Amino acid sequence: MMKEKIMKIIKDTESPLKRQLLIAGLITKLLQERGKDIPTVIGGCALSYYTREVYFTSDIDLAYSDREALDGVLKELGFIKEGRFWINEDIKAVVEVPAGTLIGEDSPEEIVELGEGLICKIIGIEDLIIDRLNACKHWRSAIDCEMVELLLARYYNELDWNYLEKKAILPENDTVIELNEMKKKIERWLKE
C-alpha cells in the first residue's frame, strides 16, 4: 500500500528537512483522500525550508482547522499524542498544530512537489518573514533577527516588498521600522 511505501521512504531519508516534508506530504495526501483541506507547514519547519536547512527544528508545525480529521490521520500513521505534541518514535517525528487557521496570511503559499504523488503547502515567504520579525522584535529573539536578515538577503529580488510593508505596519505587528532598517542593511550588503 502507498502509506507503507511512503513510511519506508521517510525512514530511509537522511535529510531531516526532506523527511519532515515527506511526513507533511503523507499527512496531506491522507487528508485529501478524506475530502479534507490540506494543512500548511508553518514555524521552524517552514523556516528550515526557506533557509535550505540553515535553520533546523525538530518538529513539524502545521496550521489546520479540522483537528478531528488531522488527529485521525496522525493516529493512523502511528503518532501518539503527548501534551500538545504528536510523536512517532518509529520514524522519529514530532508534529505540533499551534494554529487552526492562518488569519490574515495572504502571501502566496509555496506548494512543494515531493515525488510519490505527494505535495505539501508551506506558508508564504512574506508571512513567514513577518512572523519571524515579530519574534525578533517582541520576544527579542536573536536567532529570529538573523533568520529575517538571511531571508531578506536570499530572496531580496523575489519578495513582495509592498505586501511586507503593508503587513509590518499593522498594529498587531508594529515592525515596519525594523523591516525598513533591515532592508537598508541588506541593500548595503548587496552593493558591496
N, C-alpha and C. Protein backbone atom coordinates (compact mmCIF):
# COMPACT_ATOMS: atom_id res chain seq x y z
N MET A 1 0.84 -1.20 0.00
CA MET A 1 0.00 0.00 0.00
C MET A 1 0.88 1.25 0.00
N MET A 2 0.33 2.33 -0.53
CA MET A 2 1.06 3.59 -0.66
C MET A 2 1.58 4.09 0.68
N LYS A 3 0.76 4.03 1.71
CA LYS A 3 1.15 4.56 3.02
C LYS A 3 2.40 3.86 3.55
N GLU A 4 2.44 2.53 3.48
CA GLU A 4 3.60 1.79 3.97
C GLU A 4 4.85 2.10 3.16
N LYS A 5 4.68 2.23 1.84
CA LYS A 5 5.81 2.57 0.96
C LYS A 5 6.40 3.93 1.35
N ILE A 6 5.53 4.92 1.56
CA ILE A 6 5.99 6.27 1.92
C ILE A 6 6.64 6.25 3.30
N MET A 7 6.07 5.52 4.25
CA MET A 7 6.66 5.44 5.59
C MET A 7 8.08 4.86 5.51
N LYS A 8 8.29 3.88 4.63
CA LYS A 8 9.63 3.30 4.45
C LYS A 8 10.57 4.34 3.85
N ILE A 9 10.09 5.07 2.86
CA ILE A 9 10.90 6.13 2.24
C ILE A 9 11.29 7.16 3.30
N ILE A 10 10.33 7.53 4.16
CA ILE A 10 10.60 8.50 5.23
C ILE A 10 11.70 7.97 6.15
N LYS A 11 11.58 6.73 6.56
CA LYS A 11 12.58 6.13 7.46
C LYS A 11 13.96 6.09 6.82
N ASP A 12 14.02 5.90 5.51
CA ASP A 12 15.30 5.78 4.80
C ASP A 12 15.89 7.11 4.35
N THR A 13 15.16 8.19 4.53
CA THR A 13 15.61 9.51 4.08
C THR A 13 16.53 10.13 5.13
N GLU A 14 17.72 10.53 4.70
CA GLU A 14 18.71 11.08 5.63
C GLU A 14 18.48 12.56 5.95
N SER A 15 18.09 13.34 4.96
CA SER A 15 17.90 14.77 5.17
C SER A 15 16.73 15.01 6.13
N PRO A 16 17.00 15.64 7.28
CA PRO A 16 15.90 15.90 8.23
C PRO A 16 14.76 16.72 7.61
N LEU A 17 15.09 17.73 6.82
CA LEU A 17 14.05 18.55 6.20
C LEU A 17 13.24 17.73 5.20
N LYS A 18 13.91 16.97 4.37
CA LYS A 18 13.20 16.13 3.38
C LYS A 18 12.26 15.16 4.10
N ARG A 19 12.73 14.58 5.22
CA ARG A 19 11.88 13.67 5.99
C ARG A 19 10.64 14.40 6.50
N GLN A 20 10.84 15.60 7.04
CA GLN A 20 9.71 16.37 7.57
C GLN A 20 8.72 16.72 6.47
N LEU A 21 9.23 17.11 5.30
CA LEU A 21 8.33 17.47 4.21
C LEU A 21 7.58 16.24 3.70
N LEU A 22 8.25 15.09 3.66
CA LEU A 22 7.57 13.85 3.25
C LEU A 22 6.46 13.49 4.24
N ILE A 23 6.72 13.68 5.52
CA ILE A 23 5.69 13.42 6.54
C ILE A 23 4.50 14.36 6.32
N ALA A 24 4.80 15.64 6.13
CA ALA A 24 3.72 16.61 5.86
C ALA A 24 2.98 16.23 4.58
N GLY A 25 3.72 15.76 3.58
CA GLY A 25 3.10 15.34 2.32
C GLY A 25 2.20 14.14 2.50
N LEU A 26 2.62 13.17 3.32
CA LEU A 26 1.79 11.99 3.57
C LEU A 26 0.54 12.37 4.35
N ILE A 27 0.69 13.23 5.34
CA ILE A 27 -0.48 13.73 6.09
C ILE A 27 -1.44 14.42 5.13
N THR A 28 -0.89 15.26 4.25
CA THR A 28 -1.70 15.97 3.27
C THR A 28 -2.46 14.99 2.38
N LYS A 29 -1.76 13.99 1.86
CA LYS A 29 -2.38 13.00 0.97
C LYS A 29 -3.54 12.28 1.66
N LEU A 30 -3.33 11.86 2.90
CA LEU A 30 -4.38 11.15 3.61
C LEU A 30 -5.57 12.05 3.91
N LEU A 31 -5.32 13.31 4.19
CA LEU A 31 -6.43 14.26 4.39
C LEU A 31 -7.18 14.49 3.09
N GLN A 32 -6.45 14.62 1.99
CA GLN A 32 -7.09 14.82 0.69
C GLN A 32 -7.97 13.61 0.33
N GLU A 33 -7.48 12.41 0.63
CA GLU A 33 -8.27 11.21 0.34
C GLU A 33 -9.58 11.19 1.11
N ARG A 34 -9.64 11.91 2.22
CA ARG A 34 -10.86 12.00 3.01
C ARG A 34 -11.70 13.21 2.61
N GLY A 35 -11.27 13.91 1.54
CA GLY A 35 -12.02 15.08 1.06
C GLY A 35 -11.80 16.32 1.91
N LYS A 36 -10.71 16.36 2.64
CA LYS A 36 -10.43 17.48 3.53
C LYS A 36 -9.45 18.47 2.90
N ASP A 37 -9.44 19.69 3.44
CA ASP A 37 -8.46 20.69 3.04
C ASP A 37 -7.07 20.20 3.42
N ILE A 38 -6.06 20.87 2.89
CA ILE A 38 -4.70 20.46 3.22
C ILE A 38 -4.09 21.41 4.25
N PRO A 39 -3.24 20.89 5.12
CA PRO A 39 -2.62 21.73 6.14
C PRO A 39 -1.51 22.59 5.55
N THR A 40 -1.10 23.59 6.32
CA THR A 40 0.00 24.46 5.93
C THR A 40 1.15 24.27 6.90
N VAL A 41 2.34 24.03 6.36
CA VAL A 41 3.55 23.96 7.18
C VAL A 41 3.93 25.38 7.56
N ILE A 42 4.12 25.60 8.86
CA ILE A 42 4.47 26.93 9.37
C ILE A 42 5.67 26.80 10.30
N GLY A 43 6.02 27.88 10.96
CA GLY A 43 7.03 27.85 12.02
C GLY A 43 8.42 27.44 11.55
N GLY A 44 9.11 26.74 12.44
CA GLY A 44 10.50 26.38 12.21
C GLY A 44 10.71 25.49 11.01
N CYS A 45 9.78 24.61 10.73
CA CYS A 45 9.92 23.72 9.56
C CYS A 45 9.85 24.54 8.27
N ALA A 46 8.96 25.52 8.21
CA ALA A 46 8.89 26.41 7.05
C ALA A 46 10.18 27.23 6.94
N LEU A 47 10.68 27.68 8.07
CA LEU A 47 11.93 28.44 8.08
C LEU A 47 13.08 27.57 7.57
N SER A 48 13.11 26.31 8.00
CA SER A 48 14.13 25.38 7.52
C SER A 48 14.05 25.22 6.01
N TYR A 49 12.83 25.15 5.48
CA TYR A 49 12.64 25.02 4.03
C TYR A 49 13.20 26.24 3.30
N TYR A 50 12.81 27.43 3.72
CA TYR A 50 13.23 28.64 3.01
C TYR A 50 14.71 28.95 3.19
N THR A 51 15.30 28.53 4.32
CA THR A 51 16.74 28.77 4.53
C THR A 51 17.58 27.61 4.02
N ARG A 52 16.93 26.61 3.43
CA ARG A 52 17.61 25.41 2.93
C ARG A 52 18.43 24.76 4.03
N GLU A 53 17.79 24.62 5.17
CA GLU A 53 18.31 23.93 6.34
C GLU A 53 19.43 24.66 7.08
N VAL A 54 19.59 25.97 6.82
CA VAL A 54 20.50 26.75 7.66
C VAL A 54 19.94 26.74 9.08
N TYR A 55 18.62 26.86 9.17
CA TYR A 55 17.91 26.75 10.45
C TYR A 55 17.28 25.37 10.48
N PHE A 56 17.31 24.73 11.64
CA PHE A 56 16.66 23.43 11.75
C PHE A 56 15.83 23.37 13.01
N THR A 57 14.69 22.72 12.91
CA THR A 57 13.82 22.47 14.05
C THR A 57 13.51 20.98 14.07
N SER A 58 13.24 20.46 15.23
CA SER A 58 12.99 19.02 15.33
C SER A 58 11.52 18.67 15.13
N ASP A 59 10.63 19.66 15.13
CA ASP A 59 9.22 19.33 14.97
C ASP A 59 8.64 19.96 13.71
N ILE A 60 7.49 19.45 13.32
CA ILE A 60 6.77 19.95 12.16
C ILE A 60 5.55 20.71 12.69
N ASP A 61 5.53 22.02 12.46
CA ASP A 61 4.38 22.83 12.88
C ASP A 61 3.41 22.92 11.72
N LEU A 62 2.14 22.62 12.00
CA LEU A 62 1.10 22.69 10.99
C LEU A 62 -0.01 23.63 11.45
N ALA A 63 -0.58 24.35 10.48
CA ALA A 63 -1.81 25.11 10.73
C ALA A 63 -2.92 24.31 10.08
N TYR A 64 -3.94 23.97 10.89
CA TYR A 64 -5.04 23.17 10.36
C TYR A 64 -6.26 23.33 11.25
N SER A 65 -7.41 23.55 10.62
CA SER A 65 -8.61 23.83 11.40
C SER A 65 -9.40 22.59 11.81
N ASP A 66 -9.37 21.53 11.01
CA ASP A 66 -10.16 20.34 11.32
C ASP A 66 -9.32 19.38 12.16
N ARG A 67 -9.24 19.68 13.45
CA ARG A 67 -8.39 18.90 14.35
C ARG A 67 -8.79 17.43 14.41
N GLU A 68 -10.10 17.17 14.33
CA GLU A 68 -10.57 15.78 14.41
C GLU A 68 -10.02 14.96 13.23
N ALA A 69 -10.11 15.52 12.03
CA ALA A 69 -9.60 14.82 10.84
C ALA A 69 -8.08 14.63 10.94
N LEU A 70 -7.38 15.69 11.36
CA LEU A 70 -5.93 15.61 11.48
C LEU A 70 -5.52 14.60 12.56
N ASP A 71 -6.20 14.64 13.69
CA ASP A 71 -5.91 13.67 14.76
C ASP A 71 -6.07 12.24 14.25
N GLY A 72 -7.13 12.00 13.46
CA GLY A 72 -7.37 10.66 12.91
C GLY A 72 -6.23 10.21 12.00
N VAL A 73 -5.75 11.12 11.16
CA VAL A 73 -4.65 10.79 10.25
C VAL A 73 -3.36 10.52 11.05
N LEU A 74 -3.09 11.35 12.04
CA LEU A 74 -1.87 11.15 12.85
C LEU A 74 -1.92 9.81 13.59
N LYS A 75 -3.07 9.46 14.14
CA LYS A 75 -3.21 8.16 14.80
C LYS A 75 -2.99 7.03 13.81
N GLU A 76 -3.56 7.17 12.61
CA GLU A 76 -3.40 6.14 11.57
C GLU A 76 -1.93 5.95 11.20
N LEU A 77 -1.14 7.02 11.28
CA LEU A 77 0.28 6.95 10.94
C LEU A 77 1.15 6.53 12.14
N GLY A 78 0.52 6.21 13.25
CA GLY A 78 1.27 5.72 14.40
C GLY A 78 1.77 6.79 15.35
N PHE A 79 1.26 8.00 15.22
CA PHE A 79 1.64 9.08 16.14
C PHE A 79 0.83 8.92 17.43
N ILE A 80 1.46 9.27 18.54
CA ILE A 80 0.80 9.23 19.85
C ILE A 80 0.84 10.64 20.42
N LYS A 81 -0.30 11.09 20.94
CA LYS A 81 -0.38 12.45 21.48
C LYS A 81 0.21 12.49 22.88
N GLU A 82 1.15 13.41 23.06
CA GLU A 82 1.75 13.66 24.37
C GLU A 82 1.73 15.17 24.60
N GLY A 83 0.80 15.62 25.42
CA GLY A 83 0.63 17.06 25.63
C GLY A 83 0.16 17.71 24.34
N ARG A 84 0.88 18.73 23.89
CA ARG A 84 0.48 19.40 22.65
C ARG A 84 1.16 18.82 21.42
N PHE A 85 2.00 17.81 21.62
CA PHE A 85 2.75 17.21 20.51
C PHE A 85 2.21 15.84 20.13
N TRP A 86 2.37 15.50 18.85
CA TRP A 86 2.11 14.16 18.33
C TRP A 86 3.47 13.57 18.00
N ILE A 87 3.78 12.41 18.57
CA ILE A 87 5.11 11.83 18.44
C ILE A 87 5.02 10.45 17.79
N ASN A 88 5.93 10.22 16.85
CA ASN A 88 6.06 8.89 16.23
C ASN A 88 7.52 8.48 16.39
N GLU A 89 7.77 7.60 17.35
CA GLU A 89 9.13 7.14 17.63
C GLU A 89 9.72 6.35 16.47
N ASP A 90 8.87 5.59 15.77
CA ASP A 90 9.35 4.73 14.70
C ASP A 90 10.03 5.52 13.58
N ILE A 91 9.44 6.65 13.21
CA ILE A 91 10.05 7.48 12.16
C ILE A 91 10.72 8.73 12.74
N LYS A 92 10.81 8.77 14.06
CA LYS A 92 11.46 9.88 14.77
C LYS A 92 10.92 11.24 14.31
N ALA A 93 9.60 11.40 14.50
CA ALA A 93 8.94 12.62 14.06
C ALA A 93 8.04 13.18 15.15
N VAL A 94 7.97 14.51 15.19
CA VAL A 94 7.11 15.23 16.12
C VAL A 94 6.30 16.25 15.32
N VAL A 95 4.98 16.25 15.55
CA VAL A 95 4.09 17.19 14.89
C VAL A 95 3.37 18.01 15.97
N GLU A 96 3.30 19.31 15.72
CA GLU A 96 2.53 20.20 16.59
C GLU A 96 1.59 21.00 15.70
N VAL A 97 0.41 21.31 16.24
CA VAL A 97 -0.58 22.08 15.48
C VAL A 97 -0.91 23.33 16.31
N PRO A 98 -0.02 24.34 16.26
CA PRO A 98 -0.22 25.53 17.10
C PRO A 98 -1.30 26.48 16.59
N ALA A 99 -1.70 26.34 15.32
CA ALA A 99 -2.70 27.26 14.76
C ALA A 99 -3.76 26.48 14.01
N GLY A 100 -5.02 26.90 14.21
CA GLY A 100 -6.11 26.29 13.47
C GLY A 100 -6.14 26.79 12.04
N THR A 101 -6.05 28.10 11.89
CA THR A 101 -6.04 28.71 10.57
C THR A 101 -5.04 29.84 10.58
N LEU A 102 -4.68 30.28 9.40
CA LEU A 102 -3.74 31.40 9.27
C LEU A 102 -4.54 32.65 8.93
N ILE A 103 -5.00 33.33 9.96
CA ILE A 103 -5.81 34.53 9.77
C ILE A 103 -4.91 35.67 9.30
N GLY A 104 -5.29 36.28 8.20
CA GLY A 104 -4.54 37.42 7.69
C GLY A 104 -3.27 37.06 6.95
N GLU A 105 -3.03 35.80 6.71
CA GLU A 105 -1.84 35.39 5.97
C GLU A 105 -2.25 35.31 4.51
N ASP A 106 -1.80 36.27 3.72
CA ASP A 106 -2.28 36.38 2.35
C ASP A 106 -1.22 36.21 1.28
N SER A 107 0.05 36.09 1.68
CA SER A 107 1.07 35.96 0.64
C SER A 107 0.94 34.59 -0.01
N PRO A 108 1.34 34.49 -1.26
CA PRO A 108 1.20 33.20 -1.95
C PRO A 108 1.92 32.08 -1.20
N GLU A 109 1.23 30.98 -1.05
CA GLU A 109 1.84 29.85 -0.36
C GLU A 109 2.68 29.06 -1.36
N GLU A 110 3.62 28.34 -0.85
CA GLU A 110 4.50 27.52 -1.67
C GLU A 110 3.95 26.10 -1.68
N ILE A 111 3.72 25.54 -2.84
CA ILE A 111 3.32 24.14 -2.95
C ILE A 111 4.55 23.37 -3.41
N VAL A 112 4.98 22.42 -2.60
CA VAL A 112 6.19 21.66 -2.88
C VAL A 112 5.80 20.26 -3.34
N GLU A 113 6.29 19.88 -4.51
CA GLU A 113 6.07 18.53 -5.02
C GLU A 113 7.20 17.65 -4.52
N LEU A 114 6.84 16.54 -3.87
CA LEU A 114 7.82 15.71 -3.18
C LEU A 114 8.07 14.36 -3.85
N GLY A 115 7.42 14.10 -4.97
CA GLY A 115 7.51 12.78 -5.60
C GLY A 115 6.51 11.84 -4.95
N GLU A 116 6.35 10.68 -5.50
CA GLU A 116 5.41 9.68 -4.99
C GLU A 116 3.98 10.22 -4.91
N GLY A 117 3.67 11.25 -5.70
CA GLY A 117 2.33 11.84 -5.69
C GLY A 117 2.05 12.70 -4.47
N LEU A 118 3.09 13.07 -3.74
CA LEU A 118 2.92 13.86 -2.52
C LEU A 118 3.23 15.32 -2.76
N ILE A 119 2.46 16.17 -2.09
CA ILE A 119 2.73 17.61 -2.07
C ILE A 119 2.59 18.08 -0.62
N CYS A 120 3.18 19.22 -0.34
CA CYS A 120 2.85 19.89 0.93
C CYS A 120 2.82 21.39 0.67
N LYS A 121 2.02 22.06 1.48
CA LYS A 121 1.83 23.50 1.36
C LYS A 121 2.61 24.18 2.48
N ILE A 122 3.38 25.20 2.11
CA ILE A 122 4.20 25.92 3.08
C ILE A 122 3.78 27.38 3.09
N ILE A 123 3.72 27.95 4.28
CA ILE A 123 3.36 29.36 4.43
C ILE A 123 4.19 30.22 3.48
N GLY A 124 3.59 31.28 2.96
CA GLY A 124 4.31 32.18 2.05
C GLY A 124 5.51 32.83 2.73
N ILE A 125 6.53 33.09 1.96
CA ILE A 125 7.79 33.64 2.49
C ILE A 125 7.56 34.98 3.20
N GLU A 126 6.72 35.83 2.62
CA GLU A 126 6.49 37.14 3.25
C GLU A 126 5.83 37.01 4.62
N ASP A 127 4.83 36.12 4.71
CA ASP A 127 4.17 35.92 6.00
C ASP A 127 5.12 35.30 7.02
N LEU A 128 5.99 34.41 6.56
CA LEU A 128 6.99 33.83 7.46
C LEU A 128 7.95 34.91 7.96
N ILE A 129 8.37 35.80 7.06
CA ILE A 129 9.26 36.90 7.46
C ILE A 129 8.59 37.77 8.52
N ILE A 130 7.33 38.11 8.31
CA ILE A 130 6.61 38.93 9.31
C ILE A 130 6.52 38.20 10.64
N ASP A 131 6.22 36.90 10.60
CA ASP A 131 6.16 36.10 11.82
C ASP A 131 7.49 36.14 12.57
N ARG A 132 8.57 35.94 11.85
CA ARG A 132 9.90 35.93 12.48
C ARG A 132 10.34 37.33 12.89
N LEU A 133 9.91 38.33 12.16
CA LEU A 133 10.21 39.72 12.54
C LEU A 133 9.52 40.07 13.85
N ASN A 134 8.31 39.56 14.04
CA ASN A 134 7.61 39.74 15.31
C ASN A 134 8.39 39.09 16.45
N ALA A 135 8.87 37.87 16.23
CA ALA A 135 9.66 37.18 17.27
C ALA A 135 10.95 37.94 17.55
N CYS A 136 11.55 38.47 16.51
CA CYS A 136 12.78 39.26 16.65
C CYS A 136 12.54 40.48 17.54
N LYS A 137 11.49 41.23 17.23
CA LYS A 137 11.22 42.47 17.96
C LYS A 137 10.59 42.23 19.33
N HIS A 138 9.50 41.48 19.35
CA HIS A 138 8.70 41.39 20.57
C HIS A 138 9.23 40.37 21.58
N TRP A 139 9.91 39.31 21.10
CA TRP A 139 10.48 38.32 22.02
C TRP A 139 11.98 38.51 22.19
N ARG A 140 12.53 39.48 21.44
CA ARG A 140 13.96 39.76 21.45
C ARG A 140 14.78 38.49 21.12
N SER A 141 14.30 37.78 20.11
CA SER A 141 14.92 36.53 19.69
C SER A 141 16.01 36.82 18.65
N ALA A 142 17.26 36.71 19.08
CA ALA A 142 18.39 37.00 18.20
C ALA A 142 18.42 36.08 16.98
N ILE A 143 18.11 34.80 17.17
CA ILE A 143 18.13 33.86 16.04
C ILE A 143 17.07 34.25 15.01
N ASP A 144 15.91 34.73 15.47
CA ASP A 144 14.88 35.15 14.52
C ASP A 144 15.32 36.41 13.77
N CYS A 145 16.01 37.32 14.45
CA CYS A 145 16.54 38.51 13.77
C CYS A 145 17.51 38.09 12.66
N GLU A 146 18.38 37.14 12.97
CA GLU A 146 19.34 36.64 11.97
C GLU A 146 18.62 35.96 10.82
N MET A 147 17.59 35.18 11.12
CA MET A 147 16.87 34.47 10.07
C MET A 147 16.12 35.43 9.16
N VAL A 148 15.57 36.51 9.73
CA VAL A 148 14.89 37.52 8.89
C VAL A 148 15.91 38.13 7.93
N GLU A 149 17.08 38.49 8.44
CA GLU A 149 18.11 39.07 7.57
C GLU A 149 18.52 38.09 6.48
N LEU A 150 18.69 36.83 6.84
CA LEU A 150 19.06 35.80 5.87
C LEU A 150 17.99 35.68 4.78
N LEU A 151 16.72 35.62 5.18
CA LEU A 151 15.63 35.50 4.21
C LEU A 151 15.53 36.74 3.33
N LEU A 152 15.68 37.92 3.92
CA LEU A 152 15.61 39.15 3.13
C LEU A 152 16.75 39.20 2.12
N ALA A 153 17.94 38.78 2.52
CA ALA A 153 19.09 38.80 1.61
C ALA A 153 18.92 37.75 0.51
N ARG A 154 18.53 36.55 0.89
CA ARG A 154 18.43 35.44 -0.08
C ARG A 154 17.33 35.68 -1.11
N TYR A 155 16.20 36.23 -0.66
CA TYR A 155 15.04 36.38 -1.55
C TYR A 155 14.76 37.84 -1.92
N TYR A 156 15.72 38.72 -1.72
CA TYR A 156 15.51 40.16 -1.88
C TYR A 156 14.75 40.52 -3.16
N ASN A 157 15.19 39.99 -4.29
CA ASN A 157 14.58 40.37 -5.57
C ASN A 157 13.25 39.67 -5.85
N GLU A 158 12.91 38.67 -5.06
CA GLU A 158 11.67 37.92 -5.28
C GLU A 158 10.55 38.34 -4.33
N LEU A 159 10.88 39.09 -3.29
CA LEU A 159 9.90 39.44 -2.27
C LEU A 159 8.92 40.51 -2.74
N ASP A 160 7.70 40.42 -2.23
CA ASP A 160 6.69 41.45 -2.46
C ASP A 160 6.86 42.47 -1.33
N TRP A 161 7.70 43.47 -1.59
CA TRP A 161 8.03 44.46 -0.56
C TRP A 161 6.82 45.28 -0.15
N ASN A 162 5.92 45.57 -1.08
CA ASN A 162 4.70 46.31 -0.72
C ASN A 162 3.88 45.52 0.29
N TYR A 163 3.73 44.23 0.03
CA TYR A 163 2.99 43.36 0.95
C TYR A 163 3.68 43.33 2.32
N LEU A 164 5.00 43.17 2.32
CA LEU A 164 5.74 43.13 3.58
C LEU A 164 5.52 44.41 4.39
N GLU A 165 5.65 45.55 3.74
CA GLU A 165 5.48 46.83 4.44
C GLU A 165 4.05 47.01 4.93
N LYS A 166 3.08 46.59 4.10
CA LYS A 166 1.66 46.69 4.49
C LYS A 166 1.40 45.85 5.75
N LYS A 167 1.98 44.64 5.80
CA LYS A 167 1.79 43.76 6.97
C LYS A 167 2.57 44.29 8.18
N ALA A 168 3.77 44.79 7.96
CA ALA A 168 4.62 45.24 9.07
C ALA A 168 4.03 46.45 9.78
N ILE A 169 3.28 47.27 9.05
CA ILE A 169 2.73 48.49 9.63
C ILE A 169 1.47 48.23 10.48
N LEU A 170 0.85 47.05 10.31
CA LEU A 170 -0.35 46.73 11.07
C LEU A 170 -0.07 46.79 12.57
N PRO A 171 -1.04 47.28 13.36
CA PRO A 171 -0.82 47.41 14.81
C PRO A 171 -0.41 46.10 15.50
N GLU A 172 -0.95 44.97 15.04
CA GLU A 172 -0.60 43.70 15.70
C GLU A 172 0.84 43.28 15.42
N ASN A 173 1.46 43.88 14.40
CA ASN A 173 2.85 43.58 14.09
C ASN A 173 3.77 44.70 14.55
N ASP A 174 3.48 45.93 14.13
CA ASP A 174 4.26 47.10 14.52
C ASP A 174 5.76 46.87 14.33
N THR A 175 6.11 46.39 13.13
CA THR A 175 7.52 46.07 12.86
C THR A 175 8.05 46.78 11.62
N VAL A 176 7.35 47.80 11.14
CA VAL A 176 7.76 48.46 9.91
C VAL A 176 9.12 49.15 10.05
N ILE A 177 9.40 49.71 11.21
CA ILE A 177 10.71 50.37 11.42
C ILE A 177 11.83 49.33 11.32
N GLU A 178 11.65 48.20 11.99
CA GLU A 178 12.65 47.13 11.96
C GLU A 178 12.82 46.57 10.55
N LEU A 179 11.71 46.38 9.85
CA LEU A 179 11.78 45.87 8.48
C LEU A 179 12.56 46.83 7.60
N ASN A 180 12.27 48.13 7.68
CA ASN A 180 12.97 49.11 6.84
C ASN A 180 14.45 49.20 7.19
N GLU A 181 14.79 49.08 8.49
CA GLU A 181 16.20 49.09 8.88
C GLU A 181 16.93 47.88 8.30
N MET A 182 16.29 46.72 8.38
CA MET A 182 16.90 45.51 7.83
C MET A 182 17.02 45.59 6.32
N LYS A 183 16.01 46.17 5.68
CA LYS A 183 16.04 46.31 4.21
C LYS A 183 17.23 47.18 3.80
N LYS A 184 17.43 48.29 4.51
CA LYS A 184 18.57 49.17 4.20
C LYS A 184 19.89 48.44 4.41
N LYS A 185 19.99 47.66 5.48
CA LYS A 185 21.20 46.89 5.77
C LYS A 185 21.48 45.89 4.63
N ILE A 186 20.45 45.20 4.19
CA ILE A 186 20.59 44.22 3.11
C ILE A 186 21.01 44.93 1.83
N GLU A 187 20.42 46.08 1.54
CA GLU A 187 20.78 46.83 0.32
C GLU A 187 22.24 47.25 0.36
N ARG A 188 22.76 47.61 1.54
CA ARG A 188 24.19 47.94 1.66
C ARG A 188 25.03 46.72 1.36
N TRP A 189 24.63 45.56 1.93
CA TRP A 189 25.37 44.31 1.68
C TRP A 189 25.40 43.97 0.20
N LEU A 190 24.25 44.13 -0.45
CA LEU A 190 24.15 43.76 -1.85
C LEU A 190 24.98 44.67 -2.76
N LYS A 191 25.24 45.91 -2.31
CA LYS A 191 26.06 46.84 -3.10
C LYS A 191 27.54 46.54 -2.96
N GLU A 192 27.93 45.89 -1.86
CA GLU A 192 29.36 45.63 -1.61
C GLU A 192 29.92 44.57 -2.53
